[in-house]
Amino acid sequence: MKVEGKSNSIPKKSSMLDLSRILKRTGFHSLFHWSKNWTVHDRMELLTQKSHRILSEIKTLGFTRSMNELDKGKLSVFNQLNFFQFITGIIVPLLCFFGNSKFPITSFFLASLPAWVSLVVLYLNFYYRYEAGMITYFILYPLVTSVVFMSGLNLGVELYFILNGILAVFFLPQISQMAFSVGLSMISYFVLVVMNKQYGYQLHATNYFLFLFNQFTAILFIFYALFLIKKENTLYEFGILATNQALKEQNEKIEKQKKEIGQKAEELAELNAFKNKLFSVISHDMKTPMYALRNLFRSIQEQKISGEEIKQMLPDVVTDLNYTTGLMENLLHWVKSQMDLAGFHPVALDLDGIVEDCIHVHHLQAQTKKIKIAYKAEASYRVMADKDMITMILRNLISNAIKFTPSPGKITVGIRKEDGACRISVTDTGIGMNSETLAMIRQNAYYSTMGTEQESGTGLGLMLINDFLTRTNTTLQIDSEPGKGSRFSFLLPLAS
C-alpha cells in the first residue's frame, strides 16, 4: 500500500477520533429508542443493519479519492483487523477481571494494551497518517504483547505474534521493514512462549473456556486476514484483467481505425493523382473545340470564308462540341459525387422515354460516323432508379459505343426482363476490347484511349458509371472480343 502523509487538501477534523459521530451517521443511536411494540426479530434486523453500517464506516477510514483500488483494498483489510482486535482485546481482559477476583486492576490494564494499540492505529488512519499507523502496529503491537507476557500474564494470545508476521509480509512495502517486523514477532514468540514457561497468571488454569476462546479467536483472525487478503488480491487481479481487456479492445479499435485511415489515405492519394491527371486532360481537350469555334466565328465575322466552307466545317465543330458537352456533364457529375452532393433518389421511371431522349442527343454524332442506333424492347418497363444517374449512364455508354464503332456501324439499345429485374444493354459492332483493357475497366482504374476516328476521351465516363451503379447495388457487365464489338449491360429493379 502506498504510504502518504497528511494531505493539505484534506479538511481539518476534530482533535479526537469521534466515534460518536460514526454512530450518529450510521443511525446506531436509534437502537436505544426502540418502540415497545417492536418484536425481537425487528430489533435483531435493525441491529444487523446498523452493525453493517458501522463496519462499512470502519472499512473506509482514511479513504481518499486519489487512492487506487489496490491501496483502498489493503487499507480496508487493515482497518477491519484492527477494529476486531480492539474489540476482542478489550472483551477478554474484562472477562478475566470480572470472572476472577485474583486478577488485579493493573493486570487488566496491561492485558488491554494491545487493544489500545489497535485503536491508536484506527485513529491515525482516520487522519490519513498511514505511515504512522503502519509503524505503530507492526512495531508497537508485538512490543506491548511482549510486555504482557513479561509481566507474568499468559492469556493465550501467543498466536497474535504469528498474525503480526503474516500481515507484515502483505502490508509493509519495503523488504527491510518486513524483515524487521517479522523478526521481532518471531523472536518474541520464541523467547516468551516457547522458552519461557513460568507465568504468574495462566489463563488456561483459571478459565480454560476463555483460554480456548482466545486461541480460537487468534486462529480465526489469521484465516480471516488471509481470506480478506486473498479476496482483495483476486478483485484487484480481475480489475487488472478487465482493464487489460478494455485496453486490448481499444488497441484493436485503434489498429482498425489506423488501417482505415491508411486505406483512406491511399484512396485520397489515388483520387488526387487522378484529379491532377483529369484536369490536365480537361485543360488541354477543352481548348481545342473552343479555339475552333472561336476561329470559326471570327472568320464569319470578318467574312473570310464562304457559306460552303462553313458548311464543311460544321460537322467537325459539332463533333468537338458534343465531346466538350459530354466532358462537362461528366465532370459536373464527378464533382458532385466526390462532394456527396449527387444523392441517390430512386423513383419509378419509364425507360422508353429516357432511352429515346439519350438516343436523340447522340443522333448527330452517330449520323456523322454513319452509325445507326436502334432501340429494341420486349415491352414497356418501369424501373426504380435515379433519373439523372440513369441518363448519365446511358449517354456515356452510347457515346462510347459511337466512339469505338467504325463507319458504317450499328448500335443497339436493348431492354428485357431478367430474374425479376430489368436488364438494359448497349451493344455495338465496334472494335471490341482485349482482356487487359477489360481488366482495367472492371477494376475501375483510370483508362482512356482514342476512338476509331481519333476521338479523344478522359476515361471519366466509365468510372462514373461504375460508381453510380454501385449505389444501386448492381454492377456493369461487359462482354467484348477484339474485332467483334462490345456489350455493356446492367440490372435495375422493376417498379411495383
Protein backbone atom coordinates (compact mmCIF):
# COMPACT_ATOMS: atom_id res chain seq x y z
CA MET A 1 0.00 0.00 0.00
CA LYS A 2 1.30 3.42 -0.93
CA VAL A 3 2.19 5.34 2.23
CA GLU A 4 1.45 9.03 2.40
CA GLY A 5 1.39 11.74 4.97
CA LYS A 6 -1.46 14.07 5.74
CA SER A 7 -2.62 15.87 2.59
CA ASN A 8 -3.19 19.62 2.62
CA SER A 9 -6.34 19.09 0.54
CA ILE A 10 -7.98 17.08 3.37
CA PRO A 11 -10.29 19.18 5.51
CA LYS A 12 -9.33 19.54 9.20
CA LYS A 13 -11.15 17.39 11.73
CA SER A 14 -11.56 17.46 15.49
CA SER A 15 -8.58 16.57 17.65
CA MET A 16 -10.05 13.25 18.83
CA LEU A 17 -11.38 10.27 16.88
CA ASP A 18 -15.10 10.99 17.18
CA LEU A 19 -16.64 7.52 17.30
CA SER A 20 -19.92 9.07 18.40
CA ARG A 21 -20.00 10.87 15.04
CA ILE A 22 -19.78 7.49 13.26
CA LEU A 23 -22.53 6.07 15.48
CA LYS A 24 -24.72 9.06 14.73
CA ARG A 25 -24.02 8.94 10.99
CA THR A 26 -24.96 5.24 10.82
CA GLY A 27 -28.08 5.76 12.94
CA PHE A 28 -26.82 3.34 15.63
CA HIS A 29 -28.09 5.63 18.39
CA SER A 30 -31.64 4.78 17.26
CA LEU A 31 -31.17 1.32 18.79
CA PHE A 32 -31.65 2.93 22.19
CA HIS A 33 -35.06 4.29 21.18
CA TRP A 34 -36.83 1.08 20.21
CA SER A 35 -40.55 1.08 20.34
CA LYS A 36 -42.15 -1.16 22.97
CA ASN A 37 -44.26 -2.71 20.23
CA TRP A 38 -41.27 -3.99 18.21
CA THR A 39 -40.67 -7.73 18.11
CA VAL A 40 -37.34 -9.43 18.81
CA HIS A 41 -36.96 -10.18 15.10
CA ASP A 42 -37.41 -6.49 14.22
CA ARG A 43 -34.85 -5.47 16.81
CA MET A 44 -32.31 -8.02 15.59
CA GLU A 45 -32.83 -6.95 11.98
CA LEU A 46 -32.28 -3.30 12.89
CA LEU A 47 -29.21 -4.21 14.95
CA THR A 48 -27.79 -6.13 11.98
CA GLN A 49 -28.35 -3.20 9.62
CA LYS A 50 -26.69 -0.72 11.96
CA SER A 51 -23.77 -3.09 12.54
CA HIS A 52 -23.19 -3.35 8.82
CA ARG A 53 -23.18 0.42 8.52
CA ILE A 54 -20.65 0.78 11.33
CA LEU A 55 -18.41 -1.87 9.76
CA SER A 56 -18.67 -0.07 6.43
CA GLU A 57 -17.56 3.17 8.09
CA ILE A 58 -14.65 1.37 9.74
CA LYS A 59 -13.55 -0.18 6.41
CA THR A 60 -13.39 3.18 4.66
CA LEU A 61 -11.47 5.08 7.35
CA GLY A 62 -8.76 7.14 5.63
CA PHE A 63 -10.01 6.64 2.06
CA THR A 64 -9.21 9.45 -0.37
CA ARG A 65 -10.20 9.99 -4.00
CA SER A 66 -6.57 9.83 -5.13
CA MET A 67 -6.07 6.26 -3.81
CA ASN A 68 -6.16 3.41 -6.32
CA GLU A 69 -8.26 0.28 -5.80
CA LEU A 70 -5.35 -1.82 -4.51
CA ASP A 71 -4.47 0.73 -1.81
CA LYS A 72 -8.12 1.02 -0.80
CA GLY A 73 -8.40 -2.77 -0.53
CA LYS A 74 -5.34 -3.07 1.69
CA LEU A 75 -6.41 -0.21 3.93
CA SER A 76 -9.89 -1.75 4.26
CA VAL A 77 -8.41 -5.09 5.41
CA PHE A 78 -6.06 -3.28 7.82
CA ASN A 79 -8.92 -1.28 9.35
CA GLN A 80 -11.15 -4.34 9.83
CA LEU A 81 -8.45 -6.38 11.55
CA ASN A 82 -7.53 -3.55 13.92
CA PHE A 83 -11.19 -2.95 14.73
CA PHE A 84 -11.86 -6.60 15.63
CA GLN A 85 -8.57 -6.87 17.53
CA PHE A 86 -9.60 -3.84 19.55
CA ILE A 87 -12.98 -5.43 20.38
CA THR A 88 -11.54 -8.82 21.43
CA GLY A 89 -8.56 -7.16 23.15
CA ILE A 90 -10.98 -5.33 25.47
CA ILE A 91 -13.51 -8.13 25.99
CA VAL A 92 -11.00 -10.80 27.13
CA PRO A 93 -9.35 -8.68 29.90
CA LEU A 94 -12.80 -7.58 31.09
CA LEU A 95 -13.96 -11.18 31.37
CA CYS A 96 -10.75 -12.08 33.23
CA PHE A 97 -11.16 -9.13 35.58
CA PHE A 98 -14.81 -9.71 36.44
CA GLY A 99 -14.57 -13.51 36.39
CA ASN A 100 -11.55 -13.86 38.67
CA SER A 101 -11.09 -11.96 41.92
CA LYS A 102 -7.34 -12.72 41.82
CA PHE A 103 -6.96 -10.75 38.56
CA PRO A 104 -5.74 -7.29 39.73
CA ILE A 105 -6.63 -3.99 38.08
CA THR A 106 -3.01 -3.48 36.98
CA SER A 107 -3.12 -6.80 35.12
CA PHE A 108 -6.32 -5.66 33.42
CA PHE A 109 -4.64 -2.52 32.09
CA LEU A 110 -1.58 -4.47 30.98
CA ALA A 111 -3.70 -7.12 29.22
CA SER A 112 -5.69 -4.45 27.34
CA LEU A 113 -2.60 -2.63 25.97
CA PRO A 114 -2.68 -4.43 22.55
CA ALA A 115 -6.30 -3.34 22.12
CA TRP A 116 -5.38 0.30 22.65
CA VAL A 117 -2.62 -0.05 20.07
CA SER A 118 -5.27 -1.10 17.51
CA LEU A 119 -7.40 1.89 18.49
CA VAL A 120 -4.44 4.24 18.02
CA VAL A 121 -3.89 2.74 14.55
CA LEU A 122 -7.53 3.43 13.63
CA TYR A 123 -7.13 6.96 14.93
CA LEU A 124 -4.06 7.56 12.76
CA ASN A 125 -5.76 6.11 9.67
CA PHE A 126 -8.77 8.32 10.34
CA TYR A 127 -6.46 11.32 9.97
CA TYR A 128 -4.71 9.88 6.89
CA ARG A 129 -1.46 9.14 8.77
CA TYR A 130 -0.97 5.76 7.12
CA GLU A 131 2.79 5.58 7.65
CA ALA A 132 2.49 6.29 11.36
CA GLY A 133 -0.31 3.72 11.61
CA MET A 134 1.88 1.04 9.98
CA ILE A 135 4.84 1.77 12.27
CA THR A 136 2.58 1.77 15.33
CA TYR A 137 1.01 -1.58 14.50
CA PHE A 138 3.99 -3.59 13.29
CA ILE A 139 6.41 -2.34 15.96
CA LEU A 140 4.33 -1.32 18.95
CA TYR A 141 1.83 -4.21 18.82
CA PRO A 142 4.39 -7.04 19.23
CA LEU A 143 6.23 -4.95 21.84
CA VAL A 144 3.20 -4.36 24.07
CA THR A 145 2.16 -8.01 23.65
CA SER A 146 5.67 -8.94 24.84
CA VAL A 147 5.19 -6.61 27.83
CA VAL A 148 2.02 -8.52 28.74
CA PHE A 149 3.90 -11.81 28.71
CA MET A 150 6.89 -10.38 30.59
CA SER A 151 4.56 -9.07 33.32
CA GLY A 152 3.69 -12.70 34.12
CA LEU A 153 0.39 -12.92 32.24
CA ASN A 154 -0.26 -15.77 29.80
CA LEU A 155 -3.71 -15.11 28.31
CA GLY A 156 -3.35 -17.44 25.34
CA VAL A 157 -2.66 -14.69 22.78
CA GLU A 158 0.67 -16.04 21.52
CA LEU A 159 -0.77 -16.69 18.03
CA TYR A 160 -1.10 -12.95 17.53
CA PHE A 161 2.69 -12.90 17.04
CA ILE A 162 2.11 -15.19 14.03
CA LEU A 163 -0.71 -12.94 12.78
CA ASN A 164 1.54 -9.90 13.06
CA GLY A 165 4.22 -11.59 10.95
CA ILE A 166 1.72 -12.61 8.26
CA LEU A 167 0.29 -9.10 7.99
CA ALA A 168 3.80 -7.62 7.80
CA VAL A 169 4.52 -9.66 4.68
CA PHE A 170 1.42 -8.30 2.95
CA PHE A 171 1.28 -4.68 4.12
CA LEU A 172 4.87 -3.42 4.53
CA PRO A 173 6.21 -2.17 1.17
CA GLN A 174 9.94 -2.43 1.87
CA ILE A 175 11.83 -5.68 2.41
CA SER A 176 13.83 -4.22 5.31
CA GLN A 177 10.66 -3.15 7.15
CA MET A 178 9.02 -6.51 6.57
CA ALA A 179 12.10 -8.42 7.74
CA PHE A 180 12.38 -6.32 10.92
CA SER A 181 8.72 -6.75 11.85
CA VAL A 182 8.64 -10.48 11.10
CA GLY A 183 11.90 -10.97 13.01
CA LEU A 184 10.60 -9.02 16.02
CA SER A 185 7.38 -11.07 16.12
CA MET A 186 9.10 -14.44 15.69
CA ILE A 187 11.84 -13.72 18.28
CA SER A 188 9.24 -12.54 20.78
CA TYR A 189 7.17 -15.67 20.16
CA PHE A 190 10.17 -17.99 20.53
CA VAL A 191 11.54 -16.36 23.70
CA LEU A 192 8.29 -15.61 25.54
CA VAL A 193 6.18 -18.61 24.53
CA VAL A 194 8.47 -21.48 23.55
CA MET A 195 11.35 -20.94 26.01
CA ASN A 196 9.60 -19.29 28.98
CA LYS A 197 7.04 -21.49 30.77
CA GLN A 198 6.87 -19.69 34.12
CA TYR A 199 4.00 -17.22 34.42
CA GLY A 200 2.31 -15.82 37.49
CA TYR A 201 -1.11 -15.96 35.86
CA GLN A 202 -2.04 -18.80 33.50
CA LEU A 203 -5.44 -18.25 31.88
CA HIS A 204 -5.85 -21.91 30.93
CA ALA A 205 -5.54 -22.86 34.61
CA THR A 206 -8.16 -20.40 35.87
CA ASN A 207 -10.62 -20.25 32.94
CA TYR A 208 -9.96 -22.91 30.32
CA PHE A 209 -13.00 -21.89 28.26
CA LEU A 210 -11.75 -18.31 27.94
CA PHE A 211 -8.28 -19.62 27.08
CA LEU A 212 -9.77 -21.70 24.24
CA PHE A 213 -11.74 -18.65 23.13
CA ASN A 214 -8.50 -16.65 22.83
CA GLN A 215 -6.82 -19.42 20.87
CA PHE A 216 -9.82 -19.82 18.58
CA THR A 217 -10.09 -16.05 18.05
CA ALA A 218 -6.42 -15.82 17.10
CA ILE A 219 -6.78 -18.68 14.58
CA LEU A 220 -9.94 -17.08 13.24
CA PHE A 221 -8.12 -13.76 12.79
CA ILE A 222 -5.30 -15.48 10.90
CA PHE A 223 -7.68 -17.20 8.47
CA TYR A 224 -9.88 -14.11 8.22
CA ALA A 225 -6.84 -11.98 7.38
CA LEU A 226 -5.71 -14.47 4.74
CA PHE A 227 -9.25 -14.59 3.31
CA LEU A 228 -9.51 -10.80 3.09
CA ILE A 229 -6.05 -10.54 1.54
CA LYS A 230 -6.90 -13.24 -0.99
CA LYS A 231 -10.23 -11.58 -1.77
CA GLU A 232 -8.70 -8.15 -2.33
CA ASN A 233 -5.93 -9.60 -4.49
CA THR A 234 -8.48 -11.54 -6.56
CA LEU A 235 -10.63 -8.44 -7.04
CA TYR A 236 -7.56 -6.45 -8.00
CA GLU A 237 -6.47 -9.13 -10.47
CA PHE A 238 -9.94 -9.18 -12.00
CA GLY A 239 -9.77 -5.41 -12.25
CA ILE A 240 -6.40 -5.63 -13.99
CA LEU A 241 -7.70 -8.30 -16.36
CA ALA A 242 -10.77 -6.20 -17.14
CA THR A 243 -8.56 -3.15 -17.71
CA ASN A 244 -6.22 -5.17 -19.92
CA GLN A 245 -9.18 -6.47 -21.90
CA ALA A 246 -10.52 -2.96 -22.32
CA LEU A 247 -7.06 -1.76 -23.40
CA LYS A 248 -6.80 -4.68 -25.81
CA GLU A 249 -10.17 -3.84 -27.34
CA GLN A 250 -9.18 -0.18 -27.50
CA ASN A 251 -5.88 -1.08 -29.20
CA GLU A 252 -7.72 -3.28 -31.69
CA LYS A 253 -10.11 -0.42 -32.37
CA ILE A 254 -7.18 1.97 -32.83
CA GLU A 255 -5.46 -0.51 -35.16
CA LYS A 256 -8.66 -0.86 -37.16
CA GLN A 257 -9.00 2.91 -37.36
CA LYS A 258 -5.34 3.14 -38.32
CA LYS A 259 -5.89 0.70 -41.18
CA GLU A 260 -8.99 2.59 -42.27
CA ILE A 261 -7.09 5.87 -42.16
CA GLY A 262 -4.26 4.29 -44.19
CA GLN A 263 -6.77 2.96 -46.69
CA LYS A 264 -8.49 6.35 -46.92
CA ALA A 265 -5.11 8.00 -47.35
CA GLU A 266 -4.29 5.67 -50.24
CA GLU A 267 -7.68 6.33 -51.81
CA LEU A 268 -7.20 10.06 -51.34
CA ALA A 269 -3.74 9.88 -52.93
CA GLU A 270 -5.16 7.95 -55.88
CA LEU A 271 -8.04 10.39 -56.19
CA ASN A 272 -5.69 13.35 -56.00
CA ALA A 273 -3.45 11.84 -58.69
CA PHE A 274 -6.49 11.12 -60.86
CA LYS A 275 -7.76 14.66 -60.29
CA ASN A 276 -4.45 16.16 -61.39
CA LYS A 277 -4.36 13.96 -64.47
CA LEU A 278 -8.02 14.65 -65.22
CA PHE A 279 -7.70 18.41 -65.05
CA SER A 280 -4.56 18.23 -67.12
CA VAL A 281 -6.52 16.40 -69.82
CA ILE A 282 -9.51 18.73 -69.47
CA SER A 283 -7.39 21.87 -69.69
CA HIS A 284 -5.97 20.55 -72.95
CA ASP A 285 -9.08 18.98 -74.51
CA MET A 286 -11.42 21.88 -73.82
CA LYS A 287 -9.14 24.33 -75.56
CA THR A 288 -9.34 22.64 -78.98
CA PRO A 289 -13.13 22.89 -79.58
CA MET A 290 -13.31 26.33 -78.01
CA TYR A 291 -10.49 27.64 -80.19
CA ALA A 292 -12.05 26.00 -83.27
CA LEU A 293 -15.41 27.61 -82.51
CA ARG A 294 -13.78 30.97 -81.83
CA ASN A 295 -11.83 30.83 -85.10
CA LEU A 296 -14.99 29.86 -86.98
CA PHE A 297 -16.99 32.77 -85.65
CA ARG A 298 -14.09 35.16 -86.15
CA SER A 299 -13.78 34.09 -89.79
CA ILE A 300 -17.54 34.51 -90.26
CA GLN A 301 -17.35 37.93 -88.66
CA GLU A 302 -14.56 39.02 -90.97
CA GLN A 303 -16.27 37.38 -93.96
CA LYS A 304 -13.16 35.48 -94.90
CA ILE A 305 -14.97 32.19 -95.63
CA SER A 306 -17.93 31.30 -97.78
CA GLY A 307 -21.14 29.58 -96.74
CA GLU A 308 -19.98 26.38 -98.43
CA GLU A 309 -16.79 26.38 -96.39
CA ILE A 310 -18.76 26.95 -93.21
CA LYS A 311 -21.00 24.01 -94.07
CA GLN A 312 -17.95 21.78 -94.50
CA MET A 313 -16.50 22.84 -91.13
CA LEU A 314 -19.69 22.42 -89.12
CA PRO A 315 -19.54 18.59 -88.69
CA ASP A 316 -16.08 18.80 -87.09
CA VAL A 317 -17.17 21.68 -84.87
CA VAL A 318 -20.32 19.80 -83.85
CA THR A 319 -18.24 16.72 -83.06
CA ASP A 320 -15.90 18.77 -80.88
CA LEU A 321 -18.80 20.48 -79.15
CA ASN A 322 -20.50 17.14 -78.47
CA TYR A 323 -17.32 15.88 -76.91
CA THR A 324 -16.94 19.06 -74.85
CA THR A 325 -20.56 18.94 -73.70
CA GLY A 326 -20.21 15.31 -72.65
CA LEU A 327 -16.96 16.10 -70.91
CA MET A 328 -18.51 18.98 -68.95
CA GLU A 329 -21.51 16.86 -67.96
CA ASN A 330 -19.27 14.04 -66.74
CA LEU A 331 -17.07 16.49 -64.92
CA LEU A 332 -20.05 18.02 -63.10
CA HIS A 333 -21.35 14.58 -62.14
CA TRP A 334 -17.89 13.59 -60.90
CA VAL A 335 -17.54 16.74 -58.79
CA LYS A 336 -21.00 16.21 -57.29
CA SER A 337 -20.25 12.57 -56.50
CA GLN A 338 -16.96 13.45 -54.78
CA MET A 339 -18.63 16.20 -52.76
CA ASP A 340 -21.50 13.82 -51.96
CA LEU A 341 -24.00 16.27 -53.42
CA ALA A 342 -25.35 13.83 -56.01
CA GLY A 343 -27.63 11.96 -53.65
CA PHE A 344 -29.37 8.79 -54.78
CA HIS A 345 -33.13 9.43 -55.18
CA PRO A 346 -34.83 6.44 -56.83
CA VAL A 347 -38.30 6.94 -58.29
CA ALA A 348 -40.50 4.98 -60.73
CA LEU A 349 -39.28 5.80 -64.25
CA ASP A 350 -40.50 5.00 -67.77
CA LEU A 351 -37.45 3.61 -69.56
CA ASP A 352 -38.81 4.19 -73.09
CA GLY A 353 -38.78 7.95 -72.74
CA ILE A 354 -35.31 8.08 -71.15
CA VAL A 355 -33.73 5.81 -73.80
CA GLU A 356 -35.30 7.75 -76.67
CA ASP A 357 -34.04 11.06 -75.23
CA CYS A 358 -30.48 9.69 -74.92
CA ILE A 359 -30.54 8.34 -78.49
CA HIS A 360 -31.80 11.68 -79.77
CA VAL A 361 -28.97 13.56 -78.02
CA HIS A 362 -26.40 11.44 -79.88
CA HIS A 363 -28.22 11.34 -83.21
CA LEU A 364 -26.00 13.86 -84.97
CA GLN A 365 -22.82 12.36 -83.53
CA ALA A 366 -23.83 8.91 -84.83
CA GLN A 367 -25.02 10.29 -88.18
CA THR A 368 -21.63 11.92 -88.75
CA LYS A 369 -19.94 8.49 -88.50
CA LYS A 370 -22.76 6.78 -90.44
CA ILE A 371 -23.73 4.72 -87.41
CA LYS A 372 -27.30 3.55 -86.93
CA ILE A 373 -28.74 3.47 -83.38
CA ALA A 374 -31.63 1.02 -82.83
CA TYR A 375 -33.87 0.54 -79.81
CA LYS A 376 -35.32 -2.90 -79.01
CA ALA A 377 -37.52 -3.59 -76.01
CA GLU A 378 -39.62 -6.63 -75.15
CA ALA A 379 -42.20 -4.36 -73.52
CA SER A 380 -42.56 -1.03 -71.78
CA TYR A 381 -40.92 -1.30 -68.38
CA ARG A 382 -40.94 0.96 -65.35
CA VAL A 383 -37.95 0.76 -63.01
CA MET A 384 -36.91 2.24 -59.67
CA ALA A 385 -33.89 4.45 -60.35
CA ASP A 386 -32.44 7.95 -60.12
CA LYS A 387 -33.26 9.72 -63.40
CA ASP A 388 -30.09 11.84 -63.58
CA MET A 389 -27.88 8.82 -62.90
CA ILE A 390 -29.58 6.57 -65.49
CA THR A 391 -29.49 9.35 -68.08
CA MET A 392 -25.78 9.92 -67.44
CA ILE A 393 -25.04 6.17 -67.67
CA LEU A 394 -26.92 5.66 -70.94
CA ARG A 395 -25.41 8.76 -72.56
CA ASN A 396 -21.89 7.64 -71.68
CA LEU A 397 -22.46 4.08 -72.92
CA ILE A 398 -23.95 5.28 -76.21
CA SER A 399 -21.22 7.90 -76.64
CA ASN A 400 -18.50 5.30 -76.02
CA ALA A 401 -20.16 2.90 -78.47
CA ILE A 402 -20.16 5.59 -81.17
CA LYS A 403 -16.55 6.45 -80.37
CA PHE A 404 -15.26 2.86 -80.81
CA THR A 405 -17.51 1.79 -83.70
CA PRO A 406 -16.05 2.35 -87.18
CA SER A 407 -18.13 3.69 -90.05
CA PRO A 408 -20.54 2.24 -91.05
CA GLY A 409 -21.76 0.55 -87.87
CA LYS A 410 -24.70 -0.25 -85.67
CA ILE A 411 -25.54 0.28 -82.01
CA THR A 412 -28.47 -1.43 -80.31
CA VAL A 413 -30.01 -0.32 -77.02
CA GLY A 414 -31.98 -3.26 -75.63
CA ILE A 415 -34.28 -3.80 -72.67
CA ARG A 416 -35.54 -7.13 -71.40
CA LYS A 417 -36.82 -8.71 -68.21
CA GLU A 418 -34.40 -10.92 -66.28
CA ASP A 419 -34.79 -12.59 -62.87
CA GLY A 420 -37.50 -10.19 -61.73
CA ALA A 421 -35.44 -7.15 -62.79
CA CYS A 422 -34.86 -5.19 -65.96
CA ARG A 423 -31.61 -5.55 -67.89
CA ILE A 424 -30.54 -2.58 -70.01
CA SER A 425 -27.83 -3.19 -72.58
CA VAL A 426 -25.87 -1.18 -75.17
CA THR A 427 -24.37 -3.39 -77.91
CA ASP A 428 -22.12 -2.16 -80.74
CA THR A 429 -20.33 -3.56 -83.79
CA GLY A 430 -17.14 -1.79 -82.85
CA ILE A 431 -13.50 -2.79 -82.48
CA GLY A 432 -14.02 -4.62 -79.18
CA MET A 433 -11.54 -4.93 -76.28
CA ASN A 434 -8.82 -7.33 -75.23
CA SER A 435 -8.53 -8.95 -71.79
CA GLU A 436 -6.07 -6.35 -70.46
CA THR A 437 -8.41 -3.47 -71.30
CA LEU A 438 -11.38 -5.31 -69.76
CA ALA A 439 -9.40 -5.93 -66.55
CA MET A 440 -8.56 -2.22 -66.20
CA ILE A 441 -12.20 -1.20 -66.73
CA ARG A 442 -13.50 -3.79 -64.25
CA GLN A 443 -11.01 -2.59 -61.63
CA ASN A 444 -12.39 0.92 -62.12
CA ALA A 445 -8.88 2.12 -63.00
CA TYR A 446 -8.31 5.30 -64.94
CA TYR A 447 -8.30 4.35 -68.62
CA SER A 448 -8.59 6.38 -71.83
CA THR A 449 -7.81 5.70 -75.49
CA MET A 450 -8.51 7.28 -78.86
CA GLY A 451 -11.64 6.36 -80.87
CA THR A 452 -11.82 4.92 -84.39
CA GLU A 453 -11.57 8.42 -85.86
CA GLN A 454 -9.09 9.69 -83.26
CA GLU A 455 -11.81 10.97 -80.91
CA SER A 456 -10.23 11.83 -77.57
CA GLY A 457 -11.58 10.95 -74.14
CA THR A 458 -10.89 11.36 -70.43
CA GLY A 459 -11.81 7.90 -69.12
CA LEU A 460 -14.12 9.57 -66.64
CA GLY A 461 -17.36 8.17 -68.08
CA LEU A 462 -16.85 4.52 -67.16
CA MET A 463 -15.58 5.46 -63.70
CA LEU A 464 -18.77 7.44 -63.07
CA ILE A 465 -20.90 4.57 -64.39
CA ASN A 466 -19.26 2.07 -62.00
CA ASP A 467 -19.59 4.49 -59.09
CA PHE A 468 -23.28 5.19 -59.69
CA LEU A 469 -24.20 1.55 -60.34
CA THR A 470 -22.54 0.64 -57.02
CA ARG A 471 -25.02 2.96 -55.30
CA THR A 472 -27.89 0.99 -56.85
CA ASN A 473 -26.38 -2.31 -55.63
CA THR A 474 -25.62 -3.52 -59.13
CA THR A 475 -22.60 -3.74 -61.44
CA LEU A 476 -21.69 -3.12 -65.04
CA GLN A 477 -21.41 -6.35 -67.02
CA ILE A 478 -19.05 -6.21 -70.03
CA ASP A 479 -18.81 -8.78 -72.83
CA SER A 480 -16.32 -7.99 -75.58
CA GLU A 481 -13.95 -9.57 -78.10
CA PRO A 482 -11.43 -7.78 -80.31
CA GLY A 483 -12.97 -7.14 -83.74
CA LYS A 484 -16.43 -8.42 -82.71
CA GLY A 485 -17.84 -5.49 -80.79
CA SER A 486 -18.83 -4.99 -77.17
CA ARG A 487 -21.91 -5.31 -74.98
CA PHE A 488 -22.36 -3.25 -71.79
CA SER A 489 -25.35 -4.07 -69.56
CA PHE A 490 -26.69 -3.62 -66.02
CA LEU A 491 -29.75 -4.52 -63.98
CA LEU A 492 -32.35 -2.20 -62.44
CA PRO A 493 -35.19 -3.22 -60.10
CA LEU A 494 -38.66 -3.13 -61.59
CA ALA A 495 -41.13 -0.66 -60.13
CA SER A 496 -44.02 -2.39 -58.35
